[in-house]
Amino acid sequence: MNKVVSIYEAKTNLSKLVKQAKAGKTIYIGAYGNQEVMLVPAKPRKNKIKLGIWAHKPIGYRDKDIIGSDPEIVKLFEDSANTPFPE
């Protein structure tokens, strides 16, 4: 059976446990030695997030809009949305 980290210990050492999970270790958290949840690394995002009111439209459609968008600003927003949070 796997070692179970108590909820109190998990709260106290959450940043350490997250680093271990990011490294690939599965952390079991529970009470009274019973596994209740697992802390595992998140799967990497496959598709980039596109932002803006025209993001879901085909590119040709966006080229025809009246307002237009600034490609530099759109790129900055999309890049920031697809950058992982710092530790």
N, C-alpha and C. Protein backbone atom coordinates (compact mmCIF):
# COMPACT_ATOMS: atom_id res chain seq x y z
N MET A 1 0.84 -1.19 0.00
CA MET A 1 0.00 0.00 0.00
C MET A 1 0.88 1.24 0.00
N ASN A 2 0.43 2.27 -0.66
CA ASN A 2 1.19 3.52 -0.76
C ASN A 2 1.05 4.34 0.51
N LYS A 3 2.08 5.14 0.78
CA LYS A 3 2.04 6.02 1.94
C LYS A 3 1.00 7.11 1.70
N VAL A 4 0.20 7.37 2.72
CA VAL A 4 -0.84 8.39 2.63
C VAL A 4 -0.41 9.59 3.46
N VAL A 5 -0.40 10.75 2.83
CA VAL A 5 -0.06 12.00 3.52
C VAL A 5 -1.34 12.52 4.16
N SER A 6 -1.27 12.90 5.43
CA SER A 6 -2.46 13.43 6.10
C SER A 6 -2.84 14.78 5.49
N ILE A 7 -4.09 15.13 5.65
CA ILE A 7 -4.57 16.40 5.10
C ILE A 7 -3.82 17.56 5.75
N TYR A 8 -3.59 17.48 7.05
CA TYR A 8 -2.84 18.53 7.75
C TYR A 8 -1.43 18.66 7.16
N GLU A 9 -0.75 17.52 7.00
CA GLU A 9 0.61 17.53 6.44
C GLU A 9 0.59 18.08 5.01
N ALA A 10 -0.45 17.72 4.25
CA ALA A 10 -0.55 18.22 2.87
C ALA A 10 -0.72 19.74 2.84
N LYS A 11 -1.54 20.26 3.76
CA LYS A 11 -1.71 21.72 3.83
C LYS A 11 -0.41 22.40 4.20
N THR A 12 0.30 21.80 5.15
CA THR A 12 1.54 22.39 5.64
C THR A 12 2.65 22.35 4.60
N ASN A 13 2.69 21.29 3.81
CA ASN A 13 3.79 21.08 2.85
C ASN A 13 3.32 21.07 1.40
N LEU A 14 2.29 21.82 1.10
CA LEU A 14 1.70 21.76 -0.24
C LEU A 14 2.70 22.08 -1.35
N SER A 15 3.50 23.11 -1.18
CA SER A 15 4.44 23.47 -2.25
C SER A 15 5.45 22.35 -2.50
N LYS A 16 5.92 21.69 -1.45
CA LYS A 16 6.85 20.57 -1.62
C LYS A 16 6.17 19.40 -2.33
N LEU A 17 4.93 19.12 -1.95
CA LEU A 17 4.19 18.01 -2.56
C LEU A 17 3.90 18.30 -4.04
N VAL A 18 3.60 19.54 -4.36
CA VAL A 18 3.35 19.91 -5.75
C VAL A 18 4.62 19.71 -6.58
N LYS A 19 5.77 20.09 -6.04
CA LYS A 19 7.03 19.89 -6.76
C LYS A 19 7.29 18.41 -7.00
N GLN A 20 6.99 17.58 -6.00
CA GLN A 20 7.17 16.13 -6.16
C GLN A 20 6.22 15.59 -7.23
N ALA A 21 4.98 16.07 -7.22
CA ALA A 21 4.01 15.62 -8.23
C ALA A 21 4.43 16.08 -9.62
N LYS A 22 4.94 17.30 -9.74
CA LYS A 22 5.41 17.77 -11.05
C LYS A 22 6.56 16.92 -11.56
N ALA A 23 7.33 16.36 -10.64
CA ALA A 23 8.46 15.50 -11.02
C ALA A 23 7.99 14.10 -11.41
N GLY A 24 6.68 13.83 -11.27
CA GLY A 24 6.15 12.54 -11.71
C GLY A 24 5.69 11.61 -10.60
N LYS A 25 5.83 12.01 -9.35
CA LYS A 25 5.42 11.15 -8.24
C LYS A 25 3.93 11.34 -7.96
N THR A 26 3.24 10.27 -7.68
CA THR A 26 1.84 10.34 -7.29
C THR A 26 1.78 10.44 -5.77
N ILE A 27 1.11 11.47 -5.27
CA ILE A 27 0.98 11.71 -3.84
C ILE A 27 -0.45 11.37 -3.42
N TYR A 28 -0.60 10.50 -2.43
CA TYR A 28 -1.92 10.14 -1.92
C TYR A 28 -2.18 10.95 -0.66
N ILE A 29 -3.34 11.59 -0.60
CA ILE A 29 -3.72 12.42 0.54
C ILE A 29 -5.01 11.86 1.12
N GLY A 30 -5.07 11.81 2.45
CA GLY A 30 -6.27 11.28 3.08
C GLY A 30 -6.24 11.45 4.58
N ALA A 31 -7.17 10.79 5.23
CA ALA A 31 -7.29 10.86 6.68
C ALA A 31 -7.27 9.46 7.26
N TYR A 32 -6.67 9.32 8.40
CA TYR A 32 -6.61 8.05 9.13
C TYR A 32 -6.02 6.92 8.28
N GLY A 33 -5.04 7.27 7.43
CA GLY A 33 -4.37 6.28 6.61
C GLY A 33 -5.13 5.81 5.38
N ASN A 34 -6.32 6.39 5.16
CA ASN A 34 -7.13 6.01 4.00
C ASN A 34 -6.91 7.00 2.85
N GLN A 35 -6.66 6.49 1.67
CA GLN A 35 -6.48 7.35 0.50
C GLN A 35 -7.81 7.99 0.13
N GLU A 36 -7.81 9.32 0.01
CA GLU A 36 -9.03 10.02 -0.38
C GLU A 36 -8.87 10.71 -1.73
N VAL A 37 -7.68 11.27 -1.97
CA VAL A 37 -7.41 11.94 -3.25
C VAL A 37 -5.97 11.68 -3.65
N MET A 38 -5.69 11.94 -4.93
CA MET A 38 -4.32 11.81 -5.44
C MET A 38 -3.89 13.16 -5.99
N LEU A 39 -2.64 13.50 -5.77
CA LEU A 39 -2.03 14.68 -6.35
C LEU A 39 -1.09 14.18 -7.43
N VAL A 40 -1.41 14.50 -8.69
CA VAL A 40 -0.63 14.03 -9.83
C VAL A 40 -0.30 15.20 -10.73
N PRO A 41 0.74 15.07 -11.57
CA PRO A 41 1.05 16.18 -12.48
C PRO A 41 -0.06 16.37 -13.50
N ALA A 42 -0.32 17.62 -13.84
CA ALA A 42 -1.33 17.93 -14.86
C ALA A 42 -0.79 17.57 -16.23
N LYS A 43 -1.69 17.16 -17.11
CA LYS A 43 -1.29 16.85 -18.48
C LYS A 43 -1.02 18.16 -19.22
N PRO A 44 0.00 18.19 -20.07
CA PRO A 44 0.27 19.42 -20.82
C PRO A 44 -0.90 19.74 -21.77
N ARG A 45 -1.13 21.01 -21.95
CA ARG A 45 -2.21 21.46 -22.83
C ARG A 45 -1.82 21.18 -24.27
N LYS A 46 -2.71 20.53 -25.03
CA LYS A 46 -2.42 20.19 -26.42
C LYS A 46 -2.70 21.36 -27.35
N ASN A 47 -3.82 22.03 -27.15
CA ASN A 47 -4.20 23.12 -28.04
C ASN A 47 -3.96 24.46 -27.36
N LYS A 48 -3.41 25.38 -28.11
CA LYS A 48 -3.21 26.71 -27.55
C LYS A 48 -4.55 27.42 -27.43
N ILE A 49 -4.65 28.29 -26.43
CA ILE A 49 -5.86 29.07 -26.22
C ILE A 49 -5.79 30.29 -27.12
N LYS A 50 -6.86 30.54 -27.85
CA LYS A 50 -6.95 31.75 -28.65
C LYS A 50 -7.93 32.68 -27.95
N LEU A 51 -7.61 33.95 -27.93
CA LEU A 51 -8.44 34.92 -27.25
C LEU A 51 -9.06 35.89 -28.24
N GLY A 52 -10.10 36.55 -27.82
CA GLY A 52 -10.72 37.57 -28.65
C GLY A 52 -12.06 37.12 -29.18
N ILE A 53 -12.86 38.07 -29.61
CA ILE A 53 -14.21 37.76 -30.05
C ILE A 53 -14.22 37.01 -31.37
N TRP A 54 -13.15 37.09 -32.16
CA TRP A 54 -13.11 36.43 -33.45
C TRP A 54 -12.24 35.17 -33.41
N ALA A 55 -11.77 34.74 -32.25
CA ALA A 55 -10.84 33.63 -32.16
C ALA A 55 -11.43 32.32 -32.70
N HIS A 56 -12.73 32.13 -32.57
CA HIS A 56 -13.35 30.89 -33.02
C HIS A 56 -13.73 30.92 -34.49
N LYS A 57 -13.57 32.06 -35.15
CA LYS A 57 -13.93 32.19 -36.55
C LYS A 57 -12.75 31.81 -37.44
N PRO A 58 -13.01 31.37 -38.66
CA PRO A 58 -11.92 31.09 -39.59
C PRO A 58 -11.12 32.36 -39.88
N ILE A 59 -9.85 32.21 -40.24
CA ILE A 59 -8.99 33.37 -40.44
C ILE A 59 -9.53 34.29 -41.52
N GLY A 60 -10.02 33.77 -42.61
CA GLY A 60 -10.58 34.62 -43.66
C GLY A 60 -11.71 35.49 -43.16
N TYR A 61 -12.52 34.96 -42.25
CA TYR A 61 -13.63 35.71 -41.69
C TYR A 61 -13.11 36.88 -40.86
N ARG A 62 -12.06 36.64 -40.08
CA ARG A 62 -11.50 37.71 -39.26
C ARG A 62 -10.92 38.83 -40.12
N ASP A 63 -10.37 38.47 -41.28
CA ASP A 63 -9.78 39.49 -42.14
C ASP A 63 -10.82 40.46 -42.68
N LYS A 64 -12.08 40.06 -42.70
CA LYS A 64 -13.14 40.89 -43.27
C LYS A 64 -13.84 41.76 -42.23
N ASP A 65 -13.49 41.61 -40.97
CA ASP A 65 -14.23 42.40 -39.97
C ASP A 65 -13.89 43.89 -40.11
N ILE A 66 -14.79 44.73 -39.67
CA ILE A 66 -14.65 46.17 -39.83
C ILE A 66 -13.61 46.73 -38.86
N ILE A 67 -13.63 46.26 -37.63
CA ILE A 67 -12.77 46.82 -36.60
C ILE A 67 -11.33 46.40 -36.79
N GLY A 68 -11.10 45.14 -37.02
CA GLY A 68 -9.74 44.63 -37.14
C GLY A 68 -9.10 44.49 -35.77
N SER A 69 -8.03 43.76 -35.71
CA SER A 69 -7.33 43.59 -34.44
C SER A 69 -5.85 43.81 -34.68
N ASP A 70 -5.18 44.21 -33.62
CA ASP A 70 -3.74 44.44 -33.69
C ASP A 70 -3.05 43.09 -33.48
N PRO A 71 -2.38 42.56 -34.50
CA PRO A 71 -1.76 41.24 -34.37
C PRO A 71 -0.76 41.15 -33.22
N GLU A 72 -0.06 42.24 -32.94
CA GLU A 72 0.93 42.21 -31.85
C GLU A 72 0.24 42.03 -30.50
N ILE A 73 -0.88 42.74 -30.31
CA ILE A 73 -1.61 42.65 -29.04
C ILE A 73 -2.23 41.26 -28.90
N VAL A 74 -2.81 40.75 -29.98
CA VAL A 74 -3.40 39.42 -29.94
C VAL A 74 -2.34 38.39 -29.59
N LYS A 75 -1.15 38.48 -30.20
CA LYS A 75 -0.06 37.55 -29.92
C LYS A 75 0.36 37.63 -28.46
N LEU A 76 0.48 38.83 -27.91
CA LEU A 76 0.87 38.99 -26.50
C LEU A 76 -0.15 38.32 -25.58
N PHE A 77 -1.45 38.53 -25.83
CA PHE A 77 -2.48 37.91 -25.00
C PHE A 77 -2.46 36.40 -25.14
N GLU A 78 -2.36 35.89 -26.37
CA GLU A 78 -2.35 34.44 -26.57
C GLU A 78 -1.11 33.81 -25.94
N ASP A 79 0.05 34.47 -26.07
CA ASP A 79 1.27 33.94 -25.47
C ASP A 79 1.13 33.90 -23.94
N SER A 80 0.56 34.95 -23.35
CA SER A 80 0.43 34.97 -21.90
C SER A 80 -0.56 33.91 -21.42
N ALA A 81 -1.59 33.62 -22.21
CA ALA A 81 -2.57 32.60 -21.83
C ALA A 81 -1.99 31.21 -21.92
N ASN A 82 -0.97 31.03 -22.73
CA ASN A 82 -0.38 29.71 -22.95
C ASN A 82 0.95 29.51 -22.22
N THR A 83 1.30 30.46 -21.36
CA THR A 83 2.53 30.34 -20.58
C THR A 83 2.18 29.79 -19.21
N PRO A 84 2.89 28.74 -18.76
CA PRO A 84 2.59 28.19 -17.43
C PRO A 84 2.85 29.21 -16.33
N PHE A 85 2.13 29.06 -15.25
CA PHE A 85 2.33 29.95 -14.10
C PHE A 85 3.70 29.70 -13.49
N PRO A 86 4.39 30.77 -13.06
CA PRO A 86 5.68 30.56 -12.39
C PRO A 86 5.46 29.90 -11.02
N GLU A 87 6.48 29.23 -10.57
CA GLU A 87 6.38 28.54 -9.27
C GLU A 87 6.54 29.52 -8.14
